[in-house]
Amino acid sequence: MFLKILAVVFYLFTIIAAFKMETPLKGLLFVLVVIGVSGLLYLFILFPGISGIAVAIMLAAFILKQGSR
């Protein structure tokens, strides 16, 4: 129960911070990044082996793509 309340407070602060950004687009992008990072962390907790392999493959693909430029 404590973690759910903590998550709600975190998202509330995220929304407040998004409204204080310079432009609405920056606020929207900030909220989307926070949701993406939270989803990734949730995947690590829910499926530690599968998501770890998926993230490692995505990171390796990104590094190899940057190296080929």
N, C-alpha and C. Protein backbone atom coordinates (compact mmCIF):
# COMPACT_ATOMS: atom_id res chain seq x y z
N MET A 1 0.83 -1.19 0.00
CA MET A 1 0.00 0.00 0.00
C MET A 1 0.88 1.26 0.00
N PHE A 2 1.98 1.21 0.76
CA PHE A 2 2.86 2.37 0.83
C PHE A 2 3.46 2.69 -0.53
N LEU A 3 3.86 1.66 -1.29
CA LEU A 3 4.47 1.89 -2.60
C LEU A 3 3.47 2.49 -3.59
N LYS A 4 2.21 2.11 -3.48
CA LYS A 4 1.20 2.69 -4.37
C LYS A 4 0.99 4.16 -4.06
N ILE A 5 0.96 4.50 -2.79
CA ILE A 5 0.81 5.90 -2.40
C ILE A 5 2.03 6.70 -2.84
N LEU A 6 3.20 6.12 -2.68
CA LEU A 6 4.44 6.78 -3.10
C LEU A 6 4.43 7.00 -4.62
N ALA A 7 3.95 6.03 -5.37
CA ALA A 7 3.88 6.17 -6.84
C ALA A 7 2.89 7.27 -7.23
N VAL A 8 1.76 7.34 -6.56
CA VAL A 8 0.77 8.37 -6.87
C VAL A 8 1.34 9.76 -6.58
N VAL A 9 2.03 9.90 -5.47
CA VAL A 9 2.65 11.19 -5.13
C VAL A 9 3.72 11.54 -6.15
N PHE A 10 4.50 10.56 -6.57
CA PHE A 10 5.53 10.79 -7.58
C PHE A 10 4.92 11.29 -8.89
N TYR A 11 3.84 10.64 -9.34
CA TYR A 11 3.19 11.07 -10.58
C TYR A 11 2.51 12.42 -10.42
N LEU A 12 2.01 12.71 -9.23
CA LEU A 12 1.42 14.03 -8.98
C LEU A 12 2.49 15.11 -9.10
N PHE A 13 3.67 14.87 -8.51
CA PHE A 13 4.76 15.83 -8.64
C PHE A 13 5.23 15.93 -10.09
N THR A 14 5.16 14.85 -10.84
CA THR A 14 5.52 14.87 -12.26
C THR A 14 4.58 15.77 -13.04
N ILE A 15 3.29 15.66 -12.77
CA ILE A 15 2.31 16.49 -13.47
C ILE A 15 2.48 17.95 -13.09
N ILE A 16 2.74 18.22 -11.81
CA ILE A 16 2.97 19.60 -11.38
C ILE A 16 4.20 20.17 -12.08
N ALA A 17 5.26 19.39 -12.15
CA ALA A 17 6.49 19.84 -12.83
C ALA A 17 6.25 20.05 -14.32
N ALA A 18 5.40 19.22 -14.92
CA ALA A 18 5.11 19.36 -16.35
C ALA A 18 4.37 20.66 -16.64
N PHE A 19 3.48 21.06 -15.74
CA PHE A 19 2.76 22.31 -15.94
C PHE A 19 3.65 23.53 -15.74
N LYS A 20 4.77 23.37 -15.06
CA LYS A 20 5.68 24.48 -14.82
C LYS A 20 6.77 24.59 -15.89
N MET A 21 6.74 23.73 -16.89
CA MET A 21 7.73 23.79 -17.97
C MET A 21 7.47 25.02 -18.84
N GLU A 22 8.45 25.37 -19.67
CA GLU A 22 8.34 26.57 -20.50
C GLU A 22 7.21 26.45 -21.53
N THR A 23 7.13 25.29 -22.18
CA THR A 23 6.09 25.10 -23.20
C THR A 23 5.31 23.82 -22.87
N PRO A 24 4.07 23.75 -23.34
CA PRO A 24 3.30 22.52 -23.11
C PRO A 24 3.94 21.29 -23.75
N LEU A 25 4.64 21.47 -24.87
CA LEU A 25 5.29 20.33 -25.53
C LEU A 25 6.39 19.75 -24.65
N LYS A 26 7.18 20.61 -24.00
CA LYS A 26 8.22 20.12 -23.09
C LYS A 26 7.60 19.39 -21.91
N GLY A 27 6.48 19.90 -21.41
CA GLY A 27 5.79 19.22 -20.31
C GLY A 27 5.28 17.86 -20.71
N LEU A 28 4.70 17.77 -21.92
CA LEU A 28 4.20 16.49 -22.42
C LEU A 28 5.34 15.50 -22.62
N LEU A 29 6.43 15.96 -23.19
CA LEU A 29 7.58 15.07 -23.39
C LEU A 29 8.15 14.60 -22.06
N PHE A 30 8.18 15.49 -21.07
CA PHE A 30 8.65 15.11 -19.74
C PHE A 30 7.79 14.02 -19.14
N VAL A 31 6.47 14.18 -19.25
CA VAL A 31 5.55 13.16 -18.71
C VAL A 31 5.74 11.84 -19.45
N LEU A 32 5.90 11.88 -20.77
CA LEU A 32 6.09 10.66 -21.54
C LEU A 32 7.40 9.96 -21.17
N VAL A 33 8.45 10.72 -20.93
CA VAL A 33 9.72 10.12 -20.52
C VAL A 33 9.59 9.46 -19.15
N VAL A 34 8.91 10.14 -18.22
CA VAL A 34 8.73 9.57 -16.89
C VAL A 34 7.90 8.29 -16.97
N ILE A 35 6.86 8.28 -17.80
CA ILE A 35 6.05 7.07 -17.97
C ILE A 35 6.87 5.95 -18.60
N GLY A 36 7.70 6.29 -19.58
CA GLY A 36 8.55 5.28 -20.21
C GLY A 36 9.55 4.67 -19.26
N VAL A 37 10.20 5.51 -18.47
CA VAL A 37 11.18 5.00 -17.50
C VAL A 37 10.48 4.16 -16.43
N SER A 38 9.31 4.61 -15.99
CA SER A 38 8.56 3.84 -14.99
C SER A 38 8.13 2.49 -15.56
N GLY A 39 7.71 2.48 -16.81
CA GLY A 39 7.33 1.22 -17.45
C GLY A 39 8.50 0.28 -17.59
N LEU A 40 9.67 0.82 -17.91
CA LEU A 40 10.86 -0.01 -18.02
C LEU A 40 11.24 -0.59 -16.67
N LEU A 41 11.18 0.22 -15.63
CA LEU A 41 11.47 -0.29 -14.29
C LEU A 41 10.45 -1.35 -13.87
N TYR A 42 9.18 -1.13 -14.24
CA TYR A 42 8.15 -2.12 -13.93
C TYR A 42 8.44 -3.44 -14.63
N LEU A 43 8.92 -3.37 -15.88
CA LEU A 43 9.28 -4.60 -16.60
C LEU A 43 10.44 -5.31 -15.93
N PHE A 44 11.41 -4.56 -15.44
CA PHE A 44 12.54 -5.18 -14.74
C PHE A 44 12.07 -5.89 -13.48
N ILE A 45 11.09 -5.32 -12.81
CA ILE A 45 10.59 -5.95 -11.59
C ILE A 45 9.72 -7.16 -11.93
N LEU A 46 8.89 -7.03 -12.97
CA LEU A 46 7.95 -8.09 -13.31
C LEU A 46 8.64 -9.27 -13.99
N PHE A 47 9.48 -8.98 -14.96
CA PHE A 47 10.20 -10.03 -15.70
C PHE A 47 11.69 -9.72 -15.69
N PRO A 48 12.40 -10.05 -14.64
CA PRO A 48 13.81 -9.64 -14.56
C PRO A 48 14.69 -10.26 -15.64
N GLY A 49 14.47 -11.51 -15.99
CA GLY A 49 15.33 -12.14 -16.99
C GLY A 49 15.03 -11.68 -18.40
N ILE A 50 13.74 -11.71 -18.76
CA ILE A 50 13.34 -11.38 -20.14
C ILE A 50 13.61 -9.92 -20.45
N SER A 51 13.22 -9.02 -19.54
CA SER A 51 13.41 -7.59 -19.83
C SER A 51 14.89 -7.23 -19.81
N GLY A 52 15.66 -7.90 -18.97
CA GLY A 52 17.10 -7.63 -18.96
C GLY A 52 17.74 -7.98 -20.29
N ILE A 53 17.35 -9.10 -20.86
CA ILE A 53 17.87 -9.50 -22.16
C ILE A 53 17.41 -8.53 -23.24
N ALA A 54 16.14 -8.13 -23.18
CA ALA A 54 15.60 -7.20 -24.18
C ALA A 54 16.32 -5.86 -24.12
N VAL A 55 16.53 -5.35 -22.92
CA VAL A 55 17.23 -4.07 -22.79
C VAL A 55 18.68 -4.20 -23.23
N ALA A 56 19.31 -5.30 -22.92
CA ALA A 56 20.70 -5.50 -23.36
C ALA A 56 20.78 -5.54 -24.88
N ILE A 57 19.83 -6.18 -25.53
CA ILE A 57 19.82 -6.24 -27.00
C ILE A 57 19.59 -4.85 -27.59
N MET A 58 18.63 -4.10 -27.01
CA MET A 58 18.37 -2.75 -27.51
C MET A 58 19.58 -1.84 -27.30
N LEU A 59 20.24 -1.95 -26.16
CA LEU A 59 21.41 -1.14 -25.88
C LEU A 59 22.56 -1.51 -26.82
N ALA A 60 22.74 -2.79 -27.06
CA ALA A 60 23.80 -3.22 -27.98
C ALA A 60 23.52 -2.73 -29.40
N ALA A 61 22.25 -2.80 -29.82
CA ALA A 61 21.89 -2.31 -31.16
C ALA A 61 22.15 -0.81 -31.27
N PHE A 62 21.83 -0.07 -30.22
CA PHE A 62 22.06 1.37 -30.23
C PHE A 62 23.55 1.69 -30.30
N ILE A 63 24.35 0.97 -29.51
CA ILE A 63 25.80 1.22 -29.51
C ILE A 63 26.40 0.85 -30.85
N LEU A 64 25.99 -0.28 -31.41
CA LEU A 64 26.53 -0.67 -32.72
C LEU A 64 26.11 0.29 -33.82
N LYS A 65 24.89 0.81 -33.73
CA LYS A 65 24.41 1.78 -34.71
C LYS A 65 25.22 3.06 -34.62
N GLN A 66 25.53 3.49 -33.40
CA GLN A 66 26.33 4.72 -33.23
C GLN A 66 27.75 4.52 -33.70
N GLY A 67 28.28 3.31 -33.53
CA GLY A 67 29.64 3.03 -33.94
C GLY A 67 29.81 2.96 -35.46
N SER A 68 28.73 2.65 -36.16
CA SER A 68 28.83 2.49 -37.61
C SER A 68 28.76 3.84 -38.35
N ARG A 69 28.43 4.89 -37.65
CA ARG A 69 28.34 6.22 -38.31
C ARG A 69 29.70 6.80 -38.59
